[in-house]
Amino acid sequence: WVIMLPIILRGIGFGMLFITIQSISVSGLAHDKIAQGSSMIALARQIGASFGVAVIGTIVNTRQIFHQAVVGENMNAWSDTFRSAAGPLASAIQQNVGASTRQAMTLAQSAITQTASGQSFIDSINDAFWLVTILIVLLTIPVLLLKIPKRKPTPGEGKPEAVILE
């Protein structure tokens, strides 16, 4: 549910959002231009999505490098903190795997480094989600202030058809 609930909410939100955007966008167009306007909106949405994925990917990559640098500053193989974490882990590896003391310490240090790298990736994704959340909140304000224009009828639209009496 930790993963499925946000996906379900995103799907519901996209469904409501895209229909609303499409309706508002074509409401000011003449009847004969609605198909062209709808196509342009779909194109703009696809280009925007591609651009957004590229930007968020860049942000995640940059933030991961930042978080790895921060964690790397604090991970010194000779520091007391690192050794106090690696020591018990190395003992457990040595007892369960049967490795030598040196091999167990190398495996323990590698496990700690991999865990820190994974955590820096999670932190970078978290940063990207916060950025997107802030952008959505900020961009919701102008959307709420939009005025929906009335659609202009094309000539002949809305008039009753001529009835031929025989």
N, C-alpha and C. Protein backbone atom coordinates (compact mmCIF):
# COMPACT_ATOMS: atom_id res chain seq x y z
N TRP A 1 0.81 -1.21 0.00
CA TRP A 1 0.00 0.00 0.00
C TRP A 1 0.85 1.26 0.00
N VAL A 2 2.03 1.18 0.50
CA VAL A 2 2.90 2.35 0.50
C VAL A 2 3.22 2.78 -0.92
N ILE A 3 3.32 1.82 -1.82
CA ILE A 3 3.59 2.14 -3.22
C ILE A 3 2.29 2.27 -4.01
N MET A 4 1.33 1.39 -3.77
CA MET A 4 0.11 1.36 -4.57
C MET A 4 -0.79 2.57 -4.35
N LEU A 5 -0.92 3.04 -3.11
CA LEU A 5 -1.81 4.17 -2.84
C LEU A 5 -1.39 5.43 -3.60
N PRO A 6 -0.12 5.83 -3.59
CA PRO A 6 0.24 6.99 -4.40
C PRO A 6 0.02 6.79 -5.89
N ILE A 7 0.21 5.57 -6.39
CA ILE A 7 -0.02 5.31 -7.81
C ILE A 7 -1.50 5.43 -8.13
N ILE A 8 -2.36 4.91 -7.27
CA ILE A 8 -3.80 5.02 -7.47
C ILE A 8 -4.24 6.48 -7.42
N LEU A 9 -3.74 7.23 -6.44
CA LEU A 9 -4.09 8.65 -6.34
C LEU A 9 -3.59 9.42 -7.56
N ARG A 10 -2.40 9.08 -8.04
CA ARG A 10 -1.86 9.74 -9.23
C ARG A 10 -2.75 9.47 -10.44
N GLY A 11 -3.19 8.24 -10.59
CA GLY A 11 -4.06 7.88 -11.71
C GLY A 11 -5.38 8.63 -11.67
N ILE A 12 -5.97 8.74 -10.50
CA ILE A 12 -7.23 9.49 -10.35
C ILE A 12 -6.99 10.96 -10.65
N GLY A 13 -5.90 11.50 -10.12
CA GLY A 13 -5.58 12.91 -10.34
C GLY A 13 -5.31 13.21 -11.81
N PHE A 14 -4.57 12.32 -12.50
CA PHE A 14 -4.31 12.53 -13.92
C PHE A 14 -5.61 12.50 -14.71
N GLY A 15 -6.47 11.56 -14.38
CA GLY A 15 -7.74 11.46 -15.09
C GLY A 15 -8.56 12.74 -14.96
N MET A 16 -8.66 13.25 -13.76
CA MET A 16 -9.43 14.48 -13.55
C MET A 16 -8.70 15.69 -14.13
N LEU A 17 -7.39 15.72 -14.04
CA LEU A 17 -6.61 16.86 -14.51
C LEU A 17 -6.63 16.99 -16.02
N PHE A 18 -6.35 15.90 -16.73
CA PHE A 18 -6.23 15.99 -18.18
C PHE A 18 -7.57 16.30 -18.84
N ILE A 19 -8.66 15.74 -18.34
CA ILE A 19 -9.97 16.05 -18.91
C ILE A 19 -10.30 17.52 -18.69
N THR A 20 -10.01 18.03 -17.51
CA THR A 20 -10.28 19.43 -17.21
C THR A 20 -9.43 20.35 -18.07
N ILE A 21 -8.16 20.06 -18.19
CA ILE A 21 -7.27 20.89 -19.00
C ILE A 21 -7.73 20.88 -20.46
N GLN A 22 -8.08 19.71 -20.95
CA GLN A 22 -8.53 19.60 -22.34
C GLN A 22 -9.81 20.41 -22.55
N SER A 23 -10.75 20.31 -21.64
CA SER A 23 -12.03 21.03 -21.78
C SER A 23 -11.82 22.54 -21.73
N ILE A 24 -11.03 23.00 -20.78
CA ILE A 24 -10.79 24.43 -20.65
C ILE A 24 -10.02 24.96 -21.86
N SER A 25 -9.07 24.17 -22.34
CA SER A 25 -8.23 24.63 -23.44
C SER A 25 -9.00 24.80 -24.75
N VAL A 26 -9.94 23.91 -25.02
CA VAL A 26 -10.67 24.00 -26.28
C VAL A 26 -11.97 24.78 -26.16
N SER A 27 -12.32 25.22 -24.96
CA SER A 27 -13.60 25.90 -24.79
C SER A 27 -13.66 27.24 -25.51
N GLY A 28 -12.53 27.88 -25.71
CA GLY A 28 -12.52 29.17 -26.40
C GLY A 28 -12.36 29.06 -27.90
N LEU A 29 -12.24 27.84 -28.41
CA LEU A 29 -12.03 27.65 -29.84
C LEU A 29 -13.35 27.54 -30.60
N ALA A 30 -13.31 27.95 -31.86
CA ALA A 30 -14.47 27.75 -32.72
C ALA A 30 -14.66 26.25 -32.93
N HIS A 31 -15.88 25.86 -33.22
CA HIS A 31 -16.23 24.44 -33.33
C HIS A 31 -15.36 23.71 -34.35
N ASP A 32 -15.05 24.35 -35.48
CA ASP A 32 -14.28 23.69 -36.52
C ASP A 32 -12.78 23.63 -36.20
N LYS A 33 -12.33 24.28 -35.14
CA LYS A 33 -10.91 24.28 -34.76
C LYS A 33 -10.62 23.40 -33.54
N ILE A 34 -11.64 22.76 -32.99
CA ILE A 34 -11.47 21.98 -31.76
C ILE A 34 -10.53 20.79 -31.99
N ALA A 35 -10.64 20.11 -33.12
CA ALA A 35 -9.77 18.95 -33.39
C ALA A 35 -8.30 19.37 -33.47
N GLN A 36 -8.03 20.48 -34.14
CA GLN A 36 -6.66 20.96 -34.25
C GLN A 36 -6.13 21.40 -32.89
N GLY A 37 -6.97 22.10 -32.13
CA GLY A 37 -6.55 22.55 -30.80
C GLY A 37 -6.29 21.38 -29.87
N SER A 38 -7.12 20.35 -29.96
CA SER A 38 -6.93 19.16 -29.13
C SER A 38 -5.62 18.46 -29.47
N SER A 39 -5.30 18.40 -30.76
CA SER A 39 -4.04 17.78 -31.18
C SER A 39 -2.84 18.57 -30.67
N MET A 40 -2.92 19.87 -30.73
CA MET A 40 -1.82 20.71 -30.25
C MET A 40 -1.65 20.57 -28.74
N ILE A 41 -2.73 20.44 -28.01
CA ILE A 41 -2.66 20.26 -26.56
C ILE A 41 -1.99 18.93 -26.23
N ALA A 42 -2.36 17.88 -26.97
CA ALA A 42 -1.74 16.56 -26.75
C ALA A 42 -0.24 16.61 -27.05
N LEU A 43 0.13 17.30 -28.12
CA LEU A 43 1.55 17.45 -28.47
C LEU A 43 2.30 18.21 -27.37
N ALA A 44 1.72 19.31 -26.92
CA ALA A 44 2.36 20.10 -25.86
C ALA A 44 2.50 19.28 -24.58
N ARG A 45 1.50 18.47 -24.28
CA ARG A 45 1.55 17.64 -23.07
C ARG A 45 2.68 16.61 -23.18
N GLN A 46 2.84 15.99 -24.35
CA GLN A 46 3.91 15.00 -24.53
C GLN A 46 5.29 15.65 -24.46
N ILE A 47 5.43 16.80 -25.09
CA ILE A 47 6.72 17.51 -25.03
C ILE A 47 7.02 17.93 -23.60
N GLY A 48 6.01 18.44 -22.90
CA GLY A 48 6.19 18.84 -21.51
C GLY A 48 6.56 17.67 -20.62
N ALA A 49 5.92 16.52 -20.85
CA ALA A 49 6.24 15.33 -20.05
C ALA A 49 7.68 14.88 -20.30
N SER A 50 8.11 14.90 -21.55
CA SER A 50 9.49 14.51 -21.87
C SER A 50 10.49 15.47 -21.23
N PHE A 51 10.20 16.75 -21.33
CA PHE A 51 11.07 17.76 -20.73
C PHE A 51 11.10 17.59 -19.21
N GLY A 52 9.95 17.34 -18.61
CA GLY A 52 9.87 17.16 -17.15
C GLY A 52 10.67 15.95 -16.68
N VAL A 53 10.58 14.85 -17.42
CA VAL A 53 11.34 13.65 -17.05
C VAL A 53 12.84 13.92 -17.14
N ALA A 54 13.25 14.63 -18.19
CA ALA A 54 14.67 14.95 -18.33
C ALA A 54 15.16 15.85 -17.20
N VAL A 55 14.37 16.86 -16.84
CA VAL A 55 14.77 17.78 -15.77
C VAL A 55 14.81 17.06 -14.43
N ILE A 56 13.79 16.26 -14.13
CA ILE A 56 13.76 15.54 -12.85
C ILE A 56 14.90 14.52 -12.79
N GLY A 57 15.20 13.86 -13.91
CA GLY A 57 16.34 12.93 -13.95
C GLY A 57 17.65 13.63 -13.65
N THR A 58 17.81 14.82 -14.20
CA THR A 58 19.02 15.60 -13.94
C THR A 58 19.10 16.02 -12.48
N ILE A 59 17.97 16.43 -11.93
CA ILE A 59 17.93 16.84 -10.51
C ILE A 59 18.28 15.65 -9.61
N VAL A 60 17.69 14.48 -9.90
CA VAL A 60 17.98 13.29 -9.09
C VAL A 60 19.46 12.95 -9.17
N ASN A 61 20.03 13.00 -10.36
CA ASN A 61 21.45 12.69 -10.54
C ASN A 61 22.33 13.67 -9.77
N THR A 62 22.03 14.96 -9.90
CA THR A 62 22.83 15.98 -9.22
C THR A 62 22.73 15.85 -7.71
N ARG A 63 21.50 15.63 -7.22
CA ARG A 63 21.31 15.50 -5.78
C ARG A 63 21.93 14.22 -5.23
N GLN A 64 21.96 13.17 -6.04
CA GLN A 64 22.61 11.94 -5.57
C GLN A 64 24.11 12.17 -5.40
N ILE A 65 24.71 12.88 -6.33
CA ILE A 65 26.13 13.20 -6.20
C ILE A 65 26.36 14.03 -4.93
N PHE A 66 25.48 14.98 -4.69
CA PHE A 66 25.59 15.81 -3.48
C PHE A 66 25.48 14.95 -2.22
N HIS A 67 24.45 14.09 -2.16
CA HIS A 67 24.25 13.27 -0.96
C HIS A 67 25.39 12.27 -0.77
N GLN A 68 25.93 11.74 -1.86
CA GLN A 68 27.07 10.84 -1.73
C GLN A 68 28.30 11.57 -1.20
N ALA A 69 28.46 12.82 -1.62
CA ALA A 69 29.59 13.62 -1.11
C ALA A 69 29.43 13.89 0.38
N VAL A 70 28.21 14.19 0.80
CA VAL A 70 27.97 14.45 2.22
C VAL A 70 28.21 13.19 3.04
N VAL A 71 27.70 12.07 2.56
CA VAL A 71 27.90 10.81 3.28
C VAL A 71 29.37 10.42 3.24
N GLY A 72 30.03 10.65 2.10
CA GLY A 72 31.44 10.29 1.95
C GLY A 72 32.33 11.07 2.89
N GLU A 73 31.95 12.32 3.19
CA GLU A 73 32.73 13.10 4.16
C GLU A 73 32.73 12.44 5.53
N ASN A 74 31.61 11.82 5.86
CA ASN A 74 31.47 11.23 7.18
C ASN A 74 31.87 9.76 7.23
N MET A 75 32.20 9.19 6.07
CA MET A 75 32.59 7.77 6.04
C MET A 75 34.09 7.65 5.80
N ASN A 76 34.80 7.61 6.85
CA ASN A 76 36.24 7.41 6.79
C ASN A 76 36.52 6.04 7.40
N ALA A 77 37.19 5.19 6.66
CA ALA A 77 37.44 3.83 7.15
C ALA A 77 38.23 3.82 8.46
N TRP A 78 38.87 4.93 8.80
CA TRP A 78 39.67 4.98 10.02
C TRP A 78 38.96 5.71 11.16
N SER A 79 37.73 6.22 10.88
CA SER A 79 37.02 6.93 11.95
C SER A 79 36.45 5.93 12.96
N ASP A 80 36.31 6.40 14.20
CA ASP A 80 35.78 5.53 15.25
C ASP A 80 34.35 5.10 14.97
N THR A 81 33.54 5.99 14.42
CA THR A 81 32.14 5.68 14.13
C THR A 81 32.04 4.58 13.08
N PHE A 82 32.82 4.72 12.01
CA PHE A 82 32.79 3.72 10.95
C PHE A 82 33.28 2.37 11.46
N ARG A 83 34.36 2.39 12.24
CA ARG A 83 34.90 1.14 12.78
C ARG A 83 33.95 0.49 13.79
N SER A 84 33.24 1.32 14.57
CA SER A 84 32.30 0.74 15.54
C SER A 84 31.09 0.12 14.84
N ALA A 85 30.74 0.62 13.64
CA ALA A 85 29.66 -0.01 12.88
C ALA A 85 30.15 -1.22 12.11
N ALA A 86 31.35 -1.13 11.55
CA ALA A 86 31.88 -2.22 10.74
C ALA A 86 32.35 -3.41 11.59
N GLY A 87 32.80 -3.15 12.79
CA GLY A 87 33.31 -4.23 13.65
C GLY A 87 32.29 -5.31 13.95
N PRO A 88 31.13 -4.98 14.53
CA PRO A 88 30.13 -6.02 14.80
C PRO A 88 29.61 -6.69 13.52
N LEU A 89 29.50 -5.90 12.45
CA LEU A 89 29.04 -6.48 11.19
C LEU A 89 30.08 -7.48 10.66
N ALA A 90 31.34 -7.13 10.76
CA ALA A 90 32.41 -8.05 10.33
C ALA A 90 32.42 -9.32 11.17
N SER A 91 32.17 -9.18 12.47
CA SER A 91 32.11 -10.37 13.34
C SER A 91 30.97 -11.28 12.94
N ALA A 92 29.81 -10.68 12.64
CA ALA A 92 28.65 -11.48 12.21
C ALA A 92 28.93 -12.17 10.88
N ILE A 93 29.58 -11.46 9.96
CA ILE A 93 29.93 -12.06 8.67
C ILE A 93 30.93 -13.20 8.86
N GLN A 94 31.89 -12.97 9.72
CA GLN A 94 32.92 -13.99 9.96
C GLN A 94 32.29 -15.25 10.55
N GLN A 95 31.35 -15.09 11.48
CA GLN A 95 30.73 -16.24 12.12
C GLN A 95 29.78 -16.97 11.16
N ASN A 96 29.02 -16.22 10.37
CA ASN A 96 28.00 -16.85 9.51
C ASN A 96 28.55 -17.35 8.18
N VAL A 97 29.54 -16.68 7.65
CA VAL A 97 30.08 -17.06 6.34
C VAL A 97 31.33 -17.89 6.48
N GLY A 98 32.05 -17.68 7.54
CA GLY A 98 33.30 -18.40 7.75
C GLY A 98 34.47 -17.75 7.05
N ALA A 99 34.37 -16.46 6.83
CA ALA A 99 35.45 -15.73 6.15
C ALA A 99 36.53 -15.38 7.16
N SER A 100 37.69 -15.04 6.62
CA SER A 100 38.78 -14.60 7.49
C SER A 100 38.43 -13.21 8.05
N THR A 101 39.21 -12.77 9.03
CA THR A 101 38.94 -11.47 9.65
C THR A 101 39.08 -10.35 8.63
N ARG A 102 40.08 -10.43 7.81
CA ARG A 102 40.30 -9.38 6.80
C ARG A 102 39.18 -9.39 5.76
N GLN A 103 38.78 -10.58 5.29
CA GLN A 103 37.69 -10.67 4.32
C GLN A 103 36.37 -10.17 4.92
N ALA A 104 36.13 -10.54 6.17
CA ALA A 104 34.89 -10.11 6.83
C ALA A 104 34.85 -8.60 6.98
N MET A 105 35.99 -7.99 7.33
CA MET A 105 36.03 -6.53 7.47
C MET A 105 35.81 -5.87 6.11
N THR A 106 36.39 -6.42 5.05
CA THR A 106 36.20 -5.87 3.70
C THR A 106 34.74 -5.98 3.29
N LEU A 107 34.12 -7.12 3.55
CA LEU A 107 32.70 -7.30 3.23
C LEU A 107 31.82 -6.34 4.05
N ALA A 108 32.15 -6.15 5.31
CA ALA A 108 31.38 -5.25 6.16
C ALA A 108 31.49 -3.81 5.67
N GLN A 109 32.70 -3.39 5.34
CA GLN A 109 32.88 -2.03 4.82
C GLN A 109 32.15 -1.84 3.49
N SER A 110 32.20 -2.87 2.66
CA SER A 110 31.48 -2.82 1.37
C SER A 110 29.97 -2.72 1.59
N ALA A 111 29.45 -3.49 2.54
CA ALA A 111 28.02 -3.45 2.83
C ALA A 111 27.60 -2.08 3.35
N ILE A 112 28.41 -1.48 4.20
CA ILE A 112 28.10 -0.16 4.73
C ILE A 112 28.14 0.88 3.61
N THR A 113 29.12 0.77 2.74
CA THR A 113 29.25 1.71 1.61
C THR A 113 28.06 1.57 0.66
N GLN A 114 27.65 0.35 0.36
CA GLN A 114 26.50 0.13 -0.52
C GLN A 114 25.21 0.65 0.11
N THR A 115 25.06 0.46 1.39
CA THR A 115 23.88 0.97 2.09
C THR A 115 23.86 2.49 2.05
N ALA A 116 24.99 3.11 2.25
CA ALA A 116 25.07 4.57 2.21
C ALA A 116 24.78 5.08 0.80
N SER A 117 25.26 4.37 -0.22
CA SER A 117 24.99 4.76 -1.60
C SER A 117 23.51 4.64 -1.91
N GLY A 118 22.89 3.58 -1.47
CA GLY A 118 21.44 3.41 -1.65
C GLY A 118 20.66 4.50 -0.95
N GLN A 119 21.10 4.85 0.26
CA GLN A 119 20.42 5.91 1.01
C GLN A 119 20.57 7.26 0.31
N SER A 120 21.73 7.51 -0.29
CA SER A 120 21.90 8.78 -1.01
C SER A 120 20.99 8.84 -2.23
N PHE A 121 20.75 7.71 -2.89
CA PHE A 121 19.82 7.66 -4.01
C PHE A 121 18.39 7.94 -3.54
N ILE A 122 18.00 7.33 -2.45
CA ILE A 122 16.66 7.56 -1.89
C ILE A 122 16.50 9.03 -1.50
N ASP A 123 17.52 9.60 -0.88
CA ASP A 123 17.46 11.02 -0.50
C ASP A 123 17.34 11.92 -1.73
N SER A 124 18.01 11.56 -2.82
CA SER A 124 17.93 12.39 -4.03
C SER A 124 16.54 12.31 -4.65
N ILE A 125 15.93 11.14 -4.64
CA ILE A 125 14.55 11.02 -5.14
C ILE A 125 13.60 11.80 -4.24
N ASN A 126 13.83 11.74 -2.95
CA ASN A 126 13.01 12.50 -2.00
C ASN A 126 13.12 14.00 -2.28
N ASP A 127 14.32 14.48 -2.57
CA ASP A 127 14.51 15.90 -2.91
C ASP A 127 13.71 16.26 -4.16
N ALA A 128 13.76 15.39 -5.18
CA ALA A 128 13.02 15.65 -6.42
C ALA A 128 11.52 15.67 -6.16
N PHE A 129 11.02 14.77 -5.33
CA PHE A 129 9.58 14.76 -5.02
C PHE A 129 9.18 16.04 -4.29
N TRP A 130 10.01 16.50 -3.37
CA TRP A 130 9.69 17.75 -2.67
C TRP A 130 9.67 18.93 -3.63
N LEU A 131 10.62 18.97 -4.54
CA LEU A 131 10.66 20.04 -5.53
C LEU A 131 9.40 20.03 -6.40
N VAL A 132 9.02 18.86 -6.88
CA VAL A 132 7.82 18.75 -7.71
C VAL A 132 6.57 19.13 -6.90
N THR A 133 6.51 18.72 -5.65
CA THR A 133 5.36 19.08 -4.81
C THR A 133 5.26 20.59 -4.64
N ILE A 134 6.37 21.24 -4.39
CA ILE A 134 6.38 22.71 -4.23
C ILE A 134 5.95 23.38 -5.53
N LEU A 135 6.47 22.87 -6.67
CA LEU A 135 6.08 23.44 -7.97
C LEU A 135 4.59 23.27 -8.23
N ILE A 136 4.04 22.11 -7.90
CA ILE A 136 2.61 21.88 -8.11
C ILE A 136 1.78 22.83 -7.27
N VAL A 137 2.16 23.00 -6.01
CA VAL A 137 1.42 23.92 -5.14
C VAL A 137 1.50 25.34 -5.67
N LEU A 138 2.69 25.77 -6.07
CA LEU A 138 2.86 27.13 -6.57
C LEU A 138 2.12 27.35 -7.90
N LEU A 139 2.12 26.35 -8.76
CA LEU A 139 1.48 26.50 -10.06
C LEU A 139 -0.03 26.28 -10.01
N THR A 140 -0.53 25.74 -8.90
CA THR A 140 -1.97 25.59 -8.75
C THR A 140 -2.64 26.95 -8.57
N ILE A 141 -1.95 27.87 -7.96
CA ILE A 141 -2.52 29.19 -7.69
C ILE A 141 -2.92 29.90 -8.99
N PRO A 142 -2.03 30.04 -9.99
CA PRO A 142 -2.48 30.70 -11.21
C PRO A 142 -3.55 29.92 -11.97
N VAL A 143 -3.54 28.60 -11.86
CA VAL A 143 -4.57 27.80 -12.52
C VAL A 143 -5.94 28.10 -11.93
N LEU A 144 -5.99 28.26 -10.62
CA LEU A 144 -7.27 28.58 -9.98
C LEU A 144 -7.76 29.97 -10.36
N LEU A 145 -6.87 30.85 -10.75
CA LEU A 145 -7.24 32.22 -11.12
C LEU A 145 -7.58 32.36 -12.60
N LEU A 146 -7.47 31.28 -13.37
CA LEU A 146 -7.79 31.33 -14.79
C LEU A 146 -9.28 31.58 -15.00
N LYS A 147 -9.58 32.37 -16.00
CA LYS A 147 -10.97 32.58 -16.38
C LYS A 147 -11.24 31.75 -17.62
N ILE A 148 -12.33 31.05 -17.61
CA ILE A 148 -12.67 30.18 -18.72
C ILE A 148 -13.44 31.00 -19.75
N PRO A 149 -12.88 31.14 -20.96
CA PRO A 149 -13.59 31.90 -21.98
C PRO A 149 -14.76 31.11 -22.55
N LYS A 150 -15.76 31.82 -22.99
CA LYS A 150 -16.91 31.18 -23.63
C LYS A 150 -16.53 30.86 -25.07
N ARG A 151 -17.02 29.73 -25.54
CA ARG A 151 -16.74 29.34 -26.91
C ARG A 151 -17.58 30.17 -27.86
N LYS A 152 -16.93 30.67 -28.90
CA LYS A 152 -17.63 31.47 -29.89
C LYS A 152 -18.26 30.54 -30.91
N PRO A 153 -19.55 30.68 -31.15
CA PRO A 153 -20.18 29.79 -32.13
C PRO A 153 -19.75 30.18 -33.55
N THR A 154 -19.62 29.17 -34.39
CA THR A 154 -19.30 29.43 -35.78
C THR A 154 -20.56 29.88 -36.50
N PRO A 155 -20.41 30.56 -37.62
CA PRO A 155 -21.61 30.99 -38.35
C PRO A 155 -22.47 29.80 -38.73
N GLY A 156 -23.74 29.91 -38.45
CA GLY A 156 -24.69 28.84 -38.77
C GLY A 156 -24.88 27.86 -37.64
N GLU A 157 -24.01 27.90 -36.61
CA GLU A 157 -24.12 26.96 -35.50
C GLU A 157 -25.22 27.44 -34.56
N GLY A 158 -26.02 26.54 -34.09
CA GLY A 158 -27.06 26.88 -33.13
C GLY A 158 -28.37 27.28 -33.79
N LYS A 159 -28.40 27.45 -35.12
CA LYS A 159 -29.64 27.79 -35.81
C LYS A 159 -30.35 26.50 -36.17
N PRO A 160 -31.66 26.51 -36.09
CA PRO A 160 -32.38 25.28 -36.45
C PRO A 160 -32.23 25.01 -37.93
N GLU A 161 -32.20 23.73 -38.28
CA GLU A 161 -32.08 23.34 -39.66
C GLU A 161 -33.40 23.61 -40.38
N ALA A 162 -33.27 23.91 -41.65
CA ALA A 162 -34.46 24.19 -42.44
C ALA A 162 -35.23 22.90 -42.68
N VAL A 163 -36.51 23.00 -42.52
CA VAL A 163 -37.39 21.84 -42.73
C VAL A 163 -38.08 22.01 -44.06
N ILE A 164 -37.99 21.03 -44.88
CA ILE A 164 -38.62 21.07 -46.19
C ILE A 164 -39.97 20.42 -46.08
N LEU A 165 -40.98 21.17 -46.39
CA LEU A 165 -42.34 20.63 -46.36
C LEU A 165 -42.75 20.24 -47.76
N GLU A 166 -43.34 19.09 -47.93
CA GLU A 166 -43.78 18.65 -49.23
C GLU A 166 -45.27 18.60 -49.31
